[in-house]
Amino acid sequence: MIKYLKEENLQELVKSGTYLVDFYADWCGPCKMLASVLENMEDVNIIKVNVDEHPEIAKEYGVMSIPLILVYKDGQITNKHLGFIDEDQIRKLIKEK
């Protein structure tokens, strides 16, 4: 399930359960490639954060390059990855830790 962050508090959304947070921009080529992979992962809770629409959140998380994936488990970051990644690698990130 993909949810696009609007006005919600990201910390509130990820406080319970497992979530994959994708920091992206519409103009970013690797982000578009990653988006097509994420669209097929219907069994994963995904929150997409557009860094152009939410620069304050990107700054808070120290996002310097995109796409950036953060894996949250019950409110804690358990893994992260910078750049394009395929579905198998994403699933490994989610399972680790």
Protein backbone atom coordinates (compact mmCIF):
# COMPACT_ATOMS: atom_id res chain seq x y z
CA MET A 1 0.00 0.00 0.00
CA ILE A 2 1.47 3.35 -1.05
CA LYS A 3 0.58 6.54 0.83
CA TYR A 4 1.82 9.95 -0.27
CA LEU A 5 2.66 12.20 2.67
CA LYS A 6 0.51 15.34 2.68
CA GLU A 7 0.02 17.16 5.97
CA GLU A 8 0.40 14.13 8.25
CA ASN A 9 3.13 13.80 10.85
CA LEU A 10 5.62 11.23 9.54
CA GLN A 11 6.61 10.13 13.06
CA GLU A 12 2.96 9.42 13.91
CA LEU A 13 2.50 7.34 10.76
CA VAL A 14 5.51 5.08 11.41
CA LYS A 15 5.18 4.67 15.19
CA SER A 16 3.58 1.23 15.00
CA GLY A 17 4.33 -1.50 12.47
CA THR A 18 6.78 -1.79 9.59
CA TYR A 19 7.03 0.97 6.99
CA LEU A 20 9.24 1.79 4.06
CA VAL A 21 9.66 5.57 3.63
CA ASP A 22 10.75 6.71 0.17
CA PHE A 23 12.16 10.25 -0.16
CA TYR A 24 11.84 11.20 -3.83
CA ALA A 25 11.23 13.99 -6.37
CA ASP A 26 9.15 13.94 -9.55
CA TRP A 27 12.12 15.07 -11.68
CA CYS A 28 14.48 12.33 -10.42
CA GLY A 29 15.15 9.49 -12.92
CA PRO A 30 16.24 6.85 -10.36
CA CYS A 31 13.22 7.83 -8.23
CA LYS A 32 10.90 7.05 -11.15
CA MET A 33 12.60 3.68 -11.62
CA LEU A 34 12.19 2.92 -7.91
CA ALA A 35 8.54 4.03 -8.01
CA SER A 36 7.75 1.36 -10.61
CA VAL A 37 9.28 -1.29 -8.31
CA LEU A 38 7.40 -0.04 -5.24
CA GLU A 39 4.06 -0.02 -7.10
CA ASN A 40 4.31 -3.82 -7.38
CA MET A 41 4.94 -4.31 -3.64
CA GLU A 42 1.32 -4.22 -2.48
CA ASP A 43 2.08 -6.17 0.71
CA VAL A 44 4.45 -3.48 2.03
CA ASN A 45 3.40 -0.27 3.84
CA ILE A 46 5.06 2.50 1.84
CA ILE A 47 5.06 6.21 2.58
CA LYS A 48 6.40 8.46 -0.18
CA VAL A 49 7.78 11.87 0.78
CA ASN A 50 8.28 14.38 -2.03
CA VAL A 51 11.35 16.40 -1.02
CA ASP A 52 10.24 19.37 -3.14
CA GLU A 53 6.88 19.54 -1.34
CA HIS A 54 8.34 18.79 2.12
CA PRO A 55 11.82 20.35 2.27
CA GLU A 56 11.57 20.75 6.06
CA ILE A 57 11.11 17.00 6.51
CA ALA A 58 13.95 16.24 4.09
CA LYS A 59 16.18 18.60 6.06
CA GLU A 60 15.11 17.04 9.38
CA TYR A 61 16.17 13.61 8.09
CA GLY A 62 19.38 14.89 6.51
CA VAL A 63 18.34 13.92 2.99
CA MET A 64 21.15 15.04 0.69
CA SER A 65 20.52 12.68 -2.25
CA ILE A 66 17.53 10.78 -3.57
CA PRO A 67 15.99 8.31 -3.77
CA LEU A 68 16.51 7.54 -0.10
CA ILE A 69 14.70 4.63 1.53
CA LEU A 70 14.27 4.37 5.30
CA VAL A 71 12.85 1.23 6.90
CA TYR A 72 10.94 1.81 10.13
CA LYS A 73 9.90 -0.82 12.65
CA ASP A 74 7.70 0.47 15.45
CA GLY A 75 8.97 4.03 15.13
CA GLN A 76 12.69 3.20 14.86
CA ILE A 77 14.81 3.34 11.71
CA THR A 78 16.21 -0.16 11.23
CA ASN A 79 17.74 0.22 7.79
CA LYS A 80 18.33 2.69 4.97
CA HIS A 81 19.48 2.71 1.37
CA LEU A 82 20.50 5.50 -1.00
CA GLY A 83 19.83 5.12 -4.73
CA PHE A 84 17.89 2.71 -6.90
CA ILE A 85 17.32 -0.77 -5.51
CA ASP A 86 15.39 -3.76 -6.87
CA GLU A 87 12.51 -5.58 -5.16
CA ASP A 88 14.63 -8.45 -3.80
CA GLN A 89 17.07 -6.03 -2.21
CA ILE A 90 14.20 -3.99 -0.72
CA ARG A 91 12.71 -7.10 0.84
CA LYS A 92 16.12 -7.95 2.36
CA LEU A 93 16.33 -4.43 3.84
CA ILE A 94 12.92 -4.89 5.43
CA LYS A 95 13.81 -8.30 6.91
CA GLU A 96 17.18 -7.24 8.35
CA LYS A 97 17.42 -6.33 12.04
